[in-house]
Amino acid sequence: MADVLELSVPHLIASCRSCGAQQLITSNAHLIELTDLAGLRRLAQDRPLVLAPIPLPRR
């Protein structure tokens, strides 16, 4: 999962623990359940994603 999200494993574990402590997710060995979608949306808004435009290659 860390590879798909392009995160380090320690960062993913810390993020999951933080979200669990805030009761945004619940998890066990095989499943992560998003229990508070509104809370996750608020969290995402706290750190807006800024994307740089990628120019198209010239042909």
PDB file of N, CA and C in Angstrom:
ATOM      1  N   MET A   1       0.817  -1.180   0.000  1.00  0.00           N
ATOM      2  CA  MET A   1       0.000   0.000   0.000  1.00  0.00           C
ATOM      3  C   MET A   1       0.871   1.259   0.000  1.00  0.00           C
ATOM      4  N   ALA A   2       1.981   1.211   0.719  1.00  0.00           N
ATOM      5  CA  ALA A   2       2.880   2.364   0.748  1.00  0.00           C
ATOM      6  C   ALA A   2       3.407   2.667  -0.650  1.00  0.00           C
ATOM      7  N   ASP A   3       3.732   1.626  -1.418  1.00  0.00           N
ATOM      8  CA  ASP A   3       4.225   1.831  -2.779  1.00  0.00           C
ATOM      9  C   ASP A   3       3.185   2.521  -3.649  1.00  0.00           C
ATOM     10  N   VAL A   4       1.944   2.092  -3.549  1.00  0.00           N
ATOM     11  CA  VAL A   4       0.869   2.676  -4.364  1.00  0.00           C
ATOM     12  C   VAL A   4       0.679   4.147  -4.019  1.00  0.00           C
ATOM     13  N   LEU A   5       0.763   4.486  -2.748  1.00  0.00           N
ATOM     14  CA  LEU A   5       0.574   5.867  -2.300  1.00  0.00           C
ATOM     15  C   LEU A   5       1.860   6.684  -2.360  1.00  0.00           C
ATOM     16  N   GLU A   6       2.956   6.032  -2.748  1.00  0.00           N
ATOM     17  CA  GLU A   6       4.273   6.664  -2.834  1.00  0.00           C
ATOM     18  C   GLU A   6       4.688   7.274  -1.492  1.00  0.00           C
ATOM     19  N   LEU A   7       4.499   6.492  -0.428  1.00  0.00           N
ATOM     20  CA  LEU A   7       4.903   6.887   0.916  1.00  0.00           C
ATOM     21  C   LEU A   7       5.919   5.883   1.439  1.00  0.00           C
ATOM     22  N   SER A   8       6.723   6.319   2.382  1.00  0.00           N
ATOM     23  CA  SER A   8       7.585   5.353   3.061  1.00  0.00           C
ATOM     24  C   SER A   8       6.707   4.531   4.001  1.00  0.00           C
ATOM     25  N   VAL A   9       7.140   3.321   4.295  1.00  0.00           N
ATOM     26  CA  VAL A   9       6.371   2.458   5.198  1.00  0.00           C
ATOM     27  C   VAL A   9       6.206   3.117   6.576  1.00  0.00           C
ATOM     28  N   PRO A  10       7.268   3.682   7.167  1.00  0.00           N
ATOM     29  CA  PRO A  10       7.069   4.339   8.470  1.00  0.00           C
ATOM     30  C   PRO A  10       6.058   5.490   8.413  1.00  0.00           C
ATOM     31  N   HIS A  11       6.078   6.257   7.317  1.00  0.00           N
ATOM     32  CA  HIS A  11       5.124   7.369   7.182  1.00  0.00           C
ATOM     33  C   HIS A  11       3.697   6.838   7.065  1.00  0.00           C
ATOM     34  N   LEU A  12       3.501   5.778   6.304  1.00  0.00           N
ATOM     35  CA  LEU A  12       2.170   5.177   6.166  1.00  0.00           C
ATOM     36  C   LEU A  12       1.667   4.670   7.517  1.00  0.00           C
ATOM     37  N   ILE A  13       2.529   3.984   8.255  1.00  0.00           N
ATOM     38  CA  ILE A  13       2.138   3.463   9.567  1.00  0.00           C
ATOM     39  C   ILE A  13       1.757   4.609  10.504  1.00  0.00           C
ATOM     40  N   ALA A  14       2.567   5.666  10.522  1.00  0.00           N
ATOM     41  CA  ALA A  14       2.270   6.814  11.384  1.00  0.00           C
ATOM     42  C   ALA A  14       0.961   7.481  10.981  1.00  0.00           C
ATOM     43  N   SER A  15       0.724   7.610   9.686  1.00  0.00           N
ATOM     44  CA  SER A  15      -0.519   8.225   9.207  1.00  0.00           C
ATOM     45  C   SER A  15      -1.728   7.384   9.582  1.00  0.00           C
ATOM     46  N   CYS A  16      -1.618   6.077   9.431  1.00  0.00           N
ATOM     47  CA  CYS A  16      -2.729   5.186   9.802  1.00  0.00           C
ATOM     48  C   CYS A  16      -2.992   5.239  11.301  1.00  0.00           C
ATOM     49  N   ARG A  17      -1.937   5.263  12.096  1.00  0.00           N
ATOM     50  CA  ARG A  17      -2.118   5.359  13.557  1.00  0.00           C
ATOM     51  C   ARG A  17      -2.782   6.674  13.937  1.00  0.00           C
ATOM     52  N   SER A  18      -2.352   7.757  13.302  1.00  0.00           N
ATOM     53  CA  SER A  18      -2.940   9.064  13.590  1.00  0.00           C
ATOM     54  C   SER A  18      -4.418   9.095  13.216  1.00  0.00           C
ATOM     55  N   CYS A  19      -4.739   8.578  12.045  1.00  0.00           N
ATOM     56  CA  CYS A  19      -6.145   8.537  11.610  1.00  0.00           C
ATOM     57  C   CYS A  19      -6.965   7.626  12.516  1.00  0.00           C
ATOM     58  N   GLY A  20      -6.382   6.540  12.978  1.00  0.00           N
ATOM     59  CA  GLY A  20      -7.074   5.650  13.905  1.00  0.00           C
ATOM     60  C   GLY A  20      -7.326   6.327  15.247  1.00  0.00           C
ATOM     61  N   ALA A  21      -6.337   7.065  15.737  1.00  0.00           N
ATOM     62  CA  ALA A  21      -6.486   7.769  17.012  1.00  0.00           C
ATOM     63  C   ALA A  21      -7.576   8.831  16.937  1.00  0.00           C
ATOM     64  N   GLN A  22      -7.758   9.412  15.749  1.00  0.00           N
ATOM     65  CA  GLN A  22      -8.802  10.418  15.544  1.00  0.00           C
ATOM     66  C   GLN A  22     -10.141   9.783  15.161  1.00  0.00           C
ATOM     67  N   GLN A  23     -10.178   8.463  15.153  1.00  0.00           N
ATOM     68  CA  GLN A  23     -11.364   7.676  14.806  1.00  0.00           C
ATOM     69  C   GLN A  23     -11.859   7.972  13.388  1.00  0.00           C
ATOM     70  N   LEU A  24     -10.919   8.280  12.491  1.00  0.00           N
ATOM     71  CA  LEU A  24     -11.252   8.490  11.082  1.00  0.00           C
ATOM     72  C   LEU A  24     -11.284   7.162  10.342  1.00  0.00           C
ATOM     73  N   ILE A  25     -10.490   6.196  10.828  1.00  0.00           N
ATOM     74  CA  ILE A  25     -10.444   4.858  10.240  1.00  0.00           C
ATOM     75  C   ILE A  25     -10.427   3.827  11.357  1.00  0.00           C
ATOM     76  N   THR A  26     -10.817   2.615  11.021  1.00  0.00           N
ATOM     77  CA  THR A  26     -10.587   1.458  11.883  1.00  0.00           C
ATOM     78  C   THR A  26      -9.863   0.436  11.022  1.00  0.00           C
ATOM     79  N   SER A  27      -9.056  -0.393  11.659  1.00  0.00           N
ATOM     80  CA  SER A  27      -8.297  -1.356  10.866  1.00  0.00           C
ATOM     81  C   SER A  27      -8.009  -2.606  11.671  1.00  0.00           C
ATOM     82  N   ASN A  28      -7.752  -3.680  10.920  1.00  0.00           N
ATOM     83  CA  ASN A  28      -7.213  -4.907  11.490  1.00  0.00           C
ATOM     84  C   ASN A  28      -6.159  -5.398  10.511  1.00  0.00           C
ATOM     85  N   ALA A  29      -5.726  -6.602  10.627  1.00  0.00           N
ATOM     86  CA  ALA A  29      -4.633  -7.104   9.794  1.00  0.00           C
ATOM     87  C   ALA A  29      -4.976  -7.147   8.306  1.00  0.00           C
ATOM     88  N   HIS A  30      -6.259  -7.199   7.964  1.00  0.00           N
ATOM     89  CA  HIS A  30      -6.641  -7.397   6.565  1.00  0.00           C
ATOM     90  C   HIS A  30      -7.540  -6.311   5.988  1.00  0.00           C
ATOM     91  N   LEU A  31      -7.949  -5.346   6.794  1.00  0.00           N
ATOM     92  CA  LEU A  31      -8.967  -4.406   6.338  1.00  0.00           C
ATOM     93  C   LEU A  31      -8.758  -3.036   6.967  1.00  0.00           C
ATOM     94  N   ILE A  32      -8.905  -2.005   6.148  1.00  0.00           N
ATOM     95  CA  ILE A  32      -8.949  -0.631   6.648  1.00  0.00           C
ATOM     96  C   ILE A  32     -10.315  -0.083   6.259  1.00  0.00           C
ATOM     97  N   GLU A  33     -11.087   0.332   7.261  1.00  0.00           N
ATOM     98  CA  GLU A  33     -12.425   0.868   7.014  1.00  0.00           C
ATOM     99  C   GLU A  33     -12.406   2.375   7.254  1.00  0.00           C
ATOM    100  N   LEU A  34     -12.908   3.125   6.278  1.00  0.00           N
ATOM    101  CA  LEU A  34     -13.002   4.576   6.406  1.00  0.00           C
ATOM    102  C   LEU A  34     -14.280   4.876   7.179  1.00  0.00           C
ATOM    103  N   THR A  35     -14.149   5.179   8.466  1.00  0.00           N
ATOM    104  CA  THR A  35     -15.320   5.313   9.330  1.00  0.00           C
ATOM    105  C   THR A  35     -15.838   6.737   9.430  1.00  0.00           C
ATOM    106  N   ASP A  36     -15.033   7.729   9.073  1.00  0.00           N
ATOM    107  CA  ASP A  36     -15.459   9.129   9.144  1.00  0.00           C
ATOM    108  C   ASP A  36     -15.012   9.848   7.872  1.00  0.00           C
ATOM    109  N   LEU A  37     -15.804   9.702   6.815  1.00  0.00           N
ATOM    110  CA  LEU A  37     -15.442  10.315   5.530  1.00  0.00           C
ATOM    111  C   LEU A  37     -15.385  11.833   5.626  1.00  0.00           C
ATOM    112  N   ALA A  38     -16.312  12.435   6.351  1.00  0.00           N
ATOM    113  CA  ALA A  38     -16.303  13.897   6.495  1.00  0.00           C
ATOM    114  C   ALA A  38     -15.019  14.351   7.196  1.00  0.00           C
ATOM    115  N   GLY A  39     -14.602  13.619   8.216  1.00  0.00           N
ATOM    116  CA  GLY A  39     -13.366  13.956   8.910  1.00  0.00           C
ATOM    117  C   GLY A  39     -12.145  13.801   8.021  1.00  0.00           C
ATOM    118  N   LEU A  40     -12.124  12.768   7.196  1.00  0.00           N
ATOM    119  CA  LEU A  40     -11.016  12.581   6.253  1.00  0.00           C
ATOM    120  C   LEU A  40     -10.984  13.700   5.222  1.00  0.00           C
ATOM    121  N   ARG A  41     -12.152  14.136   4.779  1.00  0.00           N
ATOM    122  CA  ARG A  41     -12.203  15.264   3.830  1.00  0.00           C
ATOM    123  C   ARG A  41     -11.665  16.536   4.478  1.00  0.00           C
ATOM    124  N   ARG A  42     -12.045  16.782   5.728  1.00  0.00           N
ATOM    125  CA  ARG A  42     -11.530  17.964   6.435  1.00  0.00           C
ATOM    126  C   ARG A  42     -10.010  17.881   6.573  1.00  0.00           C
ATOM    127  N   LEU A  43      -9.508  16.712   6.905  1.00  0.00           N
ATOM    128  CA  LEU A  43      -8.066  16.522   7.037  1.00  0.00           C
ATOM    129  C   LEU A  43      -7.357  16.810   5.713  1.00  0.00           C
ATOM    130  N   ALA A  44      -7.922  16.353   4.626  1.00  0.00           N
ATOM    131  CA  ALA A  44      -7.318  16.588   3.308  1.00  0.00           C
ATOM    132  C   ALA A  44      -7.302  18.073   2.971  1.00  0.00           C
ATOM    133  N   GLN A  45      -8.315  18.809   3.383  1.00  0.00           N
ATOM    134  CA  GLN A  45      -8.365  20.245   3.116  1.00  0.00           C
ATOM    135  C   GLN A  45      -7.326  21.005   3.926  1.00  0.00           C
ATOM    136  N   ASP A  46      -6.893  20.433   5.052  1.00  0.00           N
ATOM    137  CA  ASP A  46      -5.864  21.083   5.858  1.00  0.00           C
ATOM    138  C   ASP A  46      -4.522  21.106   5.143  1.00  0.00           C
ATOM    139  N   ARG A  47      -4.329  20.181   4.236  1.00  0.00           N
ATOM    140  CA  ARG A  47      -3.075  20.093   3.488  1.00  0.00           C
ATOM    141  C   ARG A  47      -3.397  20.031   2.003  1.00  0.00           C
ATOM    142  N   PRO A  48      -3.729  21.175   1.410  1.00  0.00           N
ATOM    143  CA  PRO A  48      -4.114  21.131  -0.005  1.00  0.00           C
ATOM    144  C   PRO A  48      -2.966  20.652  -0.885  1.00  0.00           C
ATOM    145  N   LEU A  49      -3.332  19.889  -1.866  1.00  0.00           N
ATOM    146  CA  LEU A  49      -2.359  19.350  -2.802  1.00  0.00           C
ATOM    147  C   LEU A  49      -2.092  20.384  -3.890  1.00  0.00           C
ATOM    148  N   VAL A  50      -0.855  20.751  -4.046  1.00  0.00           N
ATOM    149  CA  VAL A  50      -0.473  21.702  -5.079  1.00  0.00           C
ATOM    150  C   VAL A  50       0.306  20.928  -6.133  1.00  0.00           C
ATOM    151  N   LEU A  51      -0.238  20.884  -7.326  1.00  0.00           N
ATOM    152  CA  LEU A  51       0.403  20.151  -8.412  1.00  0.00           C
ATOM    153  C   LEU A  51       1.040  21.125  -9.387  1.00  0.00           C
ATOM    154  N   ALA A  52       2.239  20.835  -9.771  1.00  0.00           N
ATOM    155  CA  ALA A  52       2.908  21.638 -10.785  1.00  0.00           C
ATOM    156  C   ALA A  52       2.519  21.102 -12.155  1.00  0.00           C
ATOM    157  N   PRO A  53       2.243  21.986 -13.105  1.00  0.00           N
ATOM    158  CA  PRO A  53       1.905  21.500 -14.443  1.00  0.00           C
ATOM    159  C   PRO A  53       3.100  20.785 -15.070  1.00  0.00           C
ATOM    160  N   ILE A  54       2.813  19.721 -15.769  1.00  0.00           N
ATOM    161  CA  ILE A  54       3.851  18.963 -16.466  1.00  0.00           C
ATOM    162  C   ILE A  54       3.690  19.243 -17.952  1.00  0.00           C
ATOM    163  N   PRO A  55       4.684  19.848 -18.570  1.00  0.00           N
ATOM    164  CA  PRO A  55       4.547  20.165 -19.991  1.00  0.00           C
ATOM    165  C   PRO A  55       4.523  18.902 -20.844  1.00  0.00           C
ATOM    166  N   LEU A  56       3.756  18.960 -21.908  1.00  0.00           N
ATOM    167  CA  LEU A  56       3.711  17.846 -22.852  1.00  0.00           C
ATOM    168  C   LEU A  56       4.999  17.817 -23.658  1.00  0.00           C
ATOM    169  N   PRO A  57       5.494  16.636 -23.969  1.00  0.00           N
ATOM    170  CA  PRO A  57       6.707  16.561 -24.792  1.00  0.00           C
ATOM    171  C   PRO A  57       6.429  17.080 -26.199  1.00  0.00           C
ATOM    172  N   ARG A  58       7.422  17.713 -26.756  1.00  0.00           N
ATOM    173  CA  ARG A  58       7.289  18.211 -28.135  1.00  0.00           C
ATOM    174  C   ARG A  58       7.475  17.064 -29.097  1.00  0.00           C
ATOM    175  N   ARG A  59       6.685  17.080 -30.148  1.00  0.00           N
ATOM    176  CA  ARG A  59       6.802  16.017 -31.161  1.00  0.00           C
ATOM    177  C   ARG A  59       7.449  16.513 -32.404  1.00  0.00           C
TER     178      ARG A  59
END
